[in-house]
Structure formats: structure tokens, C-alpha cells
Amino acid sequence: MKIIFENDSVSFDQTHDSVVIVDQTLFPWEERLITLSSLEDVYEAIKKLRVRGAPAIGVAAAFGLYVSIKRSPEDPILFEAEFRRAKEYINSARPTAVNLSYALDRMYRCYLLNKILPVAQIKSALYMEAMRIKEEDVQMCYRIAQNGAALINRKGMRILTHCNAGHYAVSRYGTALGPIYYAHSQGLEPIVYADETRPLMQGARITAYELHKAGVDVTLQCDNMVSSLMREGKVDMVMLGCDRIAANGD
């Protein structure tokens, strides 16, 4: 994909052992990176929707758990107690976010697999697991972009979106917006109508912002304009994100 985003929604600062996120509460007026250096920082960022989007929350949780226990005691018993406490505390930030608990449970399984090792090696294993969680999300989103773009099969297709399932909701590229970015990079020039998405206005604050920034032709519209837009035949396709897709496609 030719489109390169300036900042990932979640990244890891190896120099300072901290999580770096784009504060999504400031969109569209400002794109500011903030650093999360403690367990409380990570909890607050997830709780206050500074990081949002299921995949992005999962990545932030994995990195955040590592940051939280990086300076924990080298004593195995004390380390395990601190690890469990940090895991449960981060998970309580948004109990309904499935990716949050998924990422934390995956980190916990990594801990169990390496529990017999010295604590320093356990920490290294947890760091590598968090990095894998992010990289797997990046690759998954890229495949979604490629596969979904096959549906955008002619130039200038008009696509309706709702809420936000783009670059800032994941590690990179996006889920439902990924195919739009891919098609745009291939010169297909998709035209997007982005619903404002009340009450939190994710469409207005984030979707319209990131599509415009990437050079995609996007028009922001009130949610209640959708029916008239469809009645006039101005929508060729609807692309939406969803929390979960079952194995049968539902």
C-alpha cells in the first residue's frame, strides 16, 4: 500500500520503555502523541478513549502490561503477584472490549509458558509477545485491505461509512477503511460519504479527518441524511466495521 501514515495509533518507545499513542480525544483539531509510562497512564488512556478501536486497544493493553511490570521485582513470587495485579487492573478499564481481554490473556499465557525462567527472561518474552500482537494486527489489516479492495471494482465508486474502522482504530491501515485506502493507492479514486456517527462523532472527528488527510475524496454528512442519499442512488457500497465476525460470516 502506497499510503504511509505519519503516526501509528499505538507504538512502543524502546528508548524509554513506554507506550506512545495518538490521543484520539483531540481529533480533528489536533494530532498529538502522548506517552504512557505507568500502569495508571495505560488504564486512563483506555478508560477515557484516548486509544479506541478494538485492535488498537488490544495492542495498547499488551504494551501497557509489559511497561507496567518492566521494573517489577526480580523475585518470582513478587513478580507474579505484580503481573496478575496489573493484568486485572488494565482489564477493568473497559471490560466489554474483547480485544483488551484477548491481548491480556495472551500475555498471561506467554507468562505461564516461560514461568520457570528467570524473571529477566520472562520480561523479554513478554516484550516479544506484545510486539507479535501488534505485527500480527498490522498484517491482518493489510490482508483485509487487499481482499476488500477487490470489491471496489471500478473507478469512482461511492462508498458509505459509519463510525470509524480506520487507521487510528487499529495498528495500521484500518479494517473497513483499509480497502478504501488500498483502492485509493491503486488509482481507483473512491468517493466516500462519512456519517457523523452520534453521539461520540467518531465519523466526523476521526473518519472524515483521516480520509481527508490521506487524500481520499470524502464528504461528511449528518446521520439522518443516509436514507435520502440512498434513495437518490448515490451509494454503491456500504463498508462498516463490526466488533466480531463469526466463522460462518455473520
Protein backbone atom coordinates (compact mmCIF):
# COMPACT_ATOMS: atom_id res chain seq x y z
CA MET A 1 0.00 0.00 0.00
CA LYS A 2 1.49 3.34 -1.03
CA ILE A 3 -0.25 5.43 1.61
CA ILE A 4 2.09 5.95 4.55
CA PHE A 5 0.64 7.28 7.78
CA GLU A 6 2.67 9.70 9.84
CA ASN A 7 1.92 8.02 13.18
CA ASP A 8 0.63 4.61 14.21
CA SER A 9 -2.20 4.80 16.74
CA VAL A 10 -0.10 2.72 19.16
CA SER A 11 3.65 2.20 19.18
CA PHE A 12 6.41 1.33 21.63
CA ASP A 13 9.29 3.62 22.57
CA GLN A 14 12.20 1.27 23.19
CA THR A 15 14.46 4.06 24.43
CA HIS A 16 12.18 4.98 27.32
CA ASP A 17 10.24 1.70 27.73
CA SER A 18 6.91 3.42 27.26
CA VAL A 19 3.77 3.20 25.14
CA VAL A 20 3.15 6.02 22.66
CA ILE A 21 -0.39 6.66 21.43
CA VAL A 22 -2.20 9.23 19.34
CA ASP A 23 -4.67 10.95 21.68
CA GLN A 24 -7.91 10.40 19.76
CA THR A 25 -9.94 12.65 22.06
CA LEU A 26 -8.27 15.66 20.40
CA PHE A 27 -9.36 14.86 16.83
CA PRO A 28 -9.91 16.61 14.48
CA TRP A 29 -8.33 19.75 15.89
CA GLU A 30 -5.00 18.26 16.89
CA GLU A 31 -2.98 15.09 16.35
CA ARG A 32 -0.84 14.77 19.47
CA LEU A 33 1.32 11.88 20.62
CA ILE A 34 1.23 11.13 24.32
CA THR A 35 3.49 8.84 26.32
CA LEU A 36 2.18 6.23 28.76
CA SER A 37 4.86 5.30 31.27
CA SER A 38 2.90 3.71 34.10
CA LEU A 39 0.07 1.33 34.85
CA GLU A 40 -2.18 4.27 35.73
CA ASP A 41 -1.36 6.03 32.45
CA VAL A 42 -2.38 2.97 30.44
CA TYR A 43 -5.61 2.49 32.41
CA GLU A 44 -6.59 6.14 31.99
CA ALA A 45 -5.88 6.16 28.24
CA ILE A 46 -8.13 3.13 27.65
CA LYS A 47 -10.83 4.29 30.06
CA LYS A 48 -11.02 7.81 28.57
CA LEU A 49 -10.95 6.58 24.94
CA ARG A 50 -7.63 8.27 24.23
CA VAL A 51 -6.94 4.99 22.48
CA ARG A 52 -10.00 3.42 20.87
CA GLY A 53 -10.84 0.79 18.31
CA ALA A 54 -10.75 -2.86 19.31
CA PRO A 55 -7.38 -3.80 17.73
CA ALA A 56 -5.67 -0.63 18.94
CA ILE A 57 -6.93 -1.21 22.48
CA GLY A 58 -5.55 -4.76 22.41
CA VAL A 59 -2.11 -3.62 21.27
CA ALA A 60 -2.06 -0.81 23.84
CA ALA A 61 -3.02 -3.29 26.56
CA ALA A 62 -0.23 -5.71 25.63
CA PHE A 63 2.40 -2.97 25.53
CA GLY A 64 0.93 -1.41 28.65
CA LEU A 65 1.11 -4.62 30.62
CA TYR A 66 4.76 -5.01 29.69
CA VAL A 67 5.51 -1.41 30.70
CA SER A 68 3.69 -1.97 33.98
CA ILE A 69 5.83 -4.93 35.00
CA LYS A 70 9.13 -3.93 33.36
CA ARG A 71 10.52 -2.59 36.63
CA SER A 72 8.89 -5.20 38.86
CA PRO A 73 10.98 -7.17 41.39
CA GLU A 74 13.17 -10.00 40.11
CA ASP A 75 11.77 -12.28 42.82
CA PRO A 76 9.46 -14.78 41.01
CA ILE A 77 6.71 -14.71 43.64
CA LEU A 78 6.59 -10.93 43.88
CA PHE A 79 6.75 -10.64 40.09
CA GLU A 80 3.80 -12.98 39.59
CA ALA A 81 1.71 -11.05 42.11
CA GLU A 82 2.52 -7.75 40.39
CA PHE A 83 1.85 -9.23 36.94
CA ARG A 84 -1.58 -10.54 37.93
CA ARG A 85 -2.50 -7.24 39.61
CA ALA A 86 -1.50 -5.18 36.58
CA LYS A 87 -3.35 -7.53 34.20
CA GLU A 88 -6.60 -7.31 36.13
CA TYR A 89 -6.35 -3.56 36.60
CA ILE A 90 -5.85 -2.86 32.89
CA ASN A 91 -8.65 -5.28 32.02
CA SER A 92 -11.05 -3.33 34.26
CA ALA A 93 -10.59 -0.19 32.14
CA ARG A 94 -13.09 -1.45 29.54
CA PRO A 95 -14.50 -4.88 30.46
CA THR A 96 -16.62 -5.06 27.29
CA ALA A 97 -13.66 -4.62 24.92
CA VAL A 98 -12.96 -8.17 23.72
CA ASN A 99 -9.54 -7.36 22.25
CA LEU A 100 -8.48 -5.97 25.61
CA SER A 101 -9.04 -9.23 27.47
CA TYR A 102 -7.79 -11.26 24.48
CA ALA A 103 -4.43 -9.46 24.43
CA LEU A 104 -4.05 -9.62 28.20
CA ASP A 105 -4.91 -13.33 28.26
CA ARG A 106 -2.38 -13.94 25.51
CA MET A 107 0.28 -12.14 27.55
CA TYR A 108 -0.70 -14.28 30.54
CA ARG A 109 -0.31 -17.49 28.54
CA CYS A 110 3.13 -16.27 27.48
CA TYR A 111 3.97 -15.76 31.13
CA LEU A 112 2.83 -19.28 32.04
CA LEU A 113 4.91 -20.81 29.22
CA ASN A 114 8.02 -19.03 30.50
CA LYS A 115 7.30 -19.13 34.21
CA ILE A 116 10.22 -21.43 35.02
CA LEU A 117 12.74 -18.99 33.54
CA PRO A 118 14.48 -16.17 35.44
CA VAL A 119 12.26 -13.09 35.72
CA ALA A 120 14.51 -11.08 33.37
CA GLN A 121 13.92 -13.65 30.63
CA ILE A 122 10.18 -13.70 31.35
CA LYS A 123 10.09 -9.94 30.82
CA SER A 124 11.91 -10.33 27.50
CA ALA A 125 9.44 -12.99 26.40
CA LEU A 126 6.51 -10.73 27.30
CA TYR A 127 8.02 -7.87 25.32
CA MET A 128 8.39 -10.09 22.24
CA GLU A 129 4.80 -11.32 22.63
CA ALA A 130 3.49 -7.74 22.73
CA MET A 131 5.47 -6.93 19.59
CA ARG A 132 3.99 -10.00 17.86
CA ILE A 133 0.46 -8.93 18.80
CA LYS A 134 0.99 -5.62 17.04
CA GLU A 135 2.73 -7.05 13.98
CA GLU A 136 0.03 -9.68 13.52
CA ASP A 137 -2.60 -6.94 13.62
CA VAL A 138 -0.70 -4.90 11.00
CA GLN A 139 -0.50 -7.90 8.68
CA MET A 140 -4.16 -8.82 9.24
CA CYS A 141 -5.26 -5.29 8.39
CA TYR A 142 -3.14 -5.30 5.25
CA ARG A 143 -4.79 -8.53 4.08
CA ILE A 144 -8.23 -7.07 4.83
CA ALA A 145 -7.29 -4.04 2.72
CA GLN A 146 -6.15 -6.18 -0.20
CA ASN A 147 -9.13 -8.55 -0.13
CA GLY A 148 -11.72 -5.84 0.46
CA ALA A 149 -10.35 -3.65 -2.31
CA ALA A 150 -11.32 -6.37 -4.80
CA LEU A 151 -14.94 -5.32 -4.17
CA ILE A 152 -14.17 -1.78 -5.31
CA ASN A 153 -14.04 -2.85 -8.91
CA ARG A 154 -14.41 0.39 -10.82
CA LYS A 155 -13.17 3.94 -10.62
CA GLY A 156 -15.10 6.47 -8.57
CA MET A 157 -17.30 4.07 -6.62
CA ARG A 158 -19.37 5.85 -3.96
CA ILE A 159 -18.96 4.28 -0.52
CA LEU A 160 -20.91 4.98 2.67
CA THR A 161 -19.17 4.56 6.05
CA HIS A 162 -20.35 4.77 9.64
CA CYS A 163 -18.36 5.23 12.85
CA ASN A 164 -14.62 4.63 12.47
CA ALA A 165 -12.78 1.48 11.45
CA GLY A 166 -9.69 3.13 10.05
CA HIS A 167 -6.01 3.64 10.68
CA TYR A 168 -6.41 5.08 14.17
CA ALA A 169 -8.63 2.21 15.36
CA VAL A 170 -6.00 -0.44 14.64
CA SER A 171 -2.24 -0.81 14.44
CA ARG A 172 -2.08 0.42 10.84
CA TYR A 173 -4.25 0.83 7.71
CA GLY A 174 -7.66 0.02 9.23
CA THR A 175 -10.23 -2.70 8.84
CA ALA A 176 -13.31 -1.37 6.99
CA LEU A 177 -11.39 1.68 5.75
CA GLY A 178 -8.39 -0.41 4.72
CA PRO A 179 -9.89 -1.42 1.34
CA ILE A 180 -10.68 2.24 0.63
CA TYR A 181 -7.08 3.23 1.28
CA TYR A 182 -5.84 0.36 -0.86
CA ALA A 183 -8.18 1.23 -3.74
CA HIS A 184 -7.14 4.87 -3.47
CA SER A 185 -3.48 3.87 -3.68
CA GLN A 186 -4.29 1.92 -6.86
CA GLY A 187 -5.78 4.99 -8.55
CA LEU A 188 -9.43 3.92 -8.27
CA GLU A 189 -10.40 7.23 -6.61
CA PRO A 190 -13.25 6.02 -4.37
CA ILE A 191 -15.70 8.67 -3.17
CA VAL A 192 -16.67 8.35 0.49
CA TYR A 193 -19.71 9.63 2.39
CA ALA A 194 -18.87 9.51 6.10
CA ASP A 195 -21.71 9.59 8.63
CA GLU A 196 -21.01 11.83 11.61
CA THR A 197 -21.92 8.93 13.96
CA ARG A 198 -23.59 10.40 17.02
CA PRO A 199 -23.24 10.66 19.97
CA LEU A 200 -19.42 10.45 20.05
CA MET A 201 -18.99 11.68 16.47
CA GLN A 202 -16.31 9.17 15.51
CA GLY A 203 -17.20 9.61 11.86
CA ALA A 204 -16.93 13.38 11.99
CA ARG A 205 -13.91 13.58 14.28
CA ILE A 206 -11.87 10.65 13.02
CA THR A 207 -13.08 9.01 9.77
CA ALA A 208 -13.50 12.23 7.83
CA TYR A 209 -10.24 13.55 9.31
CA GLU A 210 -8.07 10.59 8.39
CA LEU A 211 -9.58 10.07 4.91
CA HIS A 212 -9.11 13.74 4.06
CA LYS A 213 -5.56 13.63 5.39
CA ALA A 214 -4.82 10.65 3.14
CA GLY A 215 -6.18 12.47 0.08
CA VAL A 216 -9.39 10.46 -0.27
CA ASP A 217 -12.46 12.29 -1.62
CA VAL A 218 -14.68 12.36 1.48
CA THR A 219 -17.91 14.18 2.34
CA LEU A 220 -19.09 14.38 5.94
CA GLN A 221 -22.85 14.08 6.37
CA CYS A 222 -25.44 14.07 9.15
CA ASP A 223 -26.56 10.58 10.15
CA ASN A 224 -30.18 11.25 9.11
CA MET A 225 -29.13 12.06 5.52
CA VAL A 226 -28.37 8.41 4.72
CA SER A 227 -31.87 7.46 3.54
CA SER A 228 -32.16 10.35 1.09
CA LEU A 229 -28.65 9.70 -0.24
CA MET A 230 -29.53 6.06 -0.90
CA ARG A 231 -32.90 6.99 -2.41
CA GLU A 232 -31.10 9.17 -4.93
CA GLY A 233 -28.89 6.23 -5.92
CA LYS A 234 -25.70 7.88 -4.74
CA VAL A 235 -24.40 4.93 -2.69
CA ASP A 236 -22.78 1.99 -4.50
CA MET A 237 -21.47 0.24 -1.41
CA VAL A 238 -21.53 0.36 2.37
CA MET A 239 -18.35 -0.52 4.28
CA LEU A 240 -18.67 -0.93 8.05
CA GLY A 241 -16.55 -2.25 10.84
CA CYS A 242 -18.02 -4.68 13.35
CA ASP A 243 -16.95 -5.92 16.75
CA ARG A 244 -16.85 -9.56 15.78
CA ILE A 245 -17.38 -11.79 12.71
CA ALA A 246 -18.41 -15.39 13.25
CA ALA A 247 -16.75 -18.26 11.38
CA ASN A 248 -19.82 -18.54 9.12
CA GLY A 249 -19.54 -14.89 8.09
CA ASP A 250 -22.27 -13.47 10.35
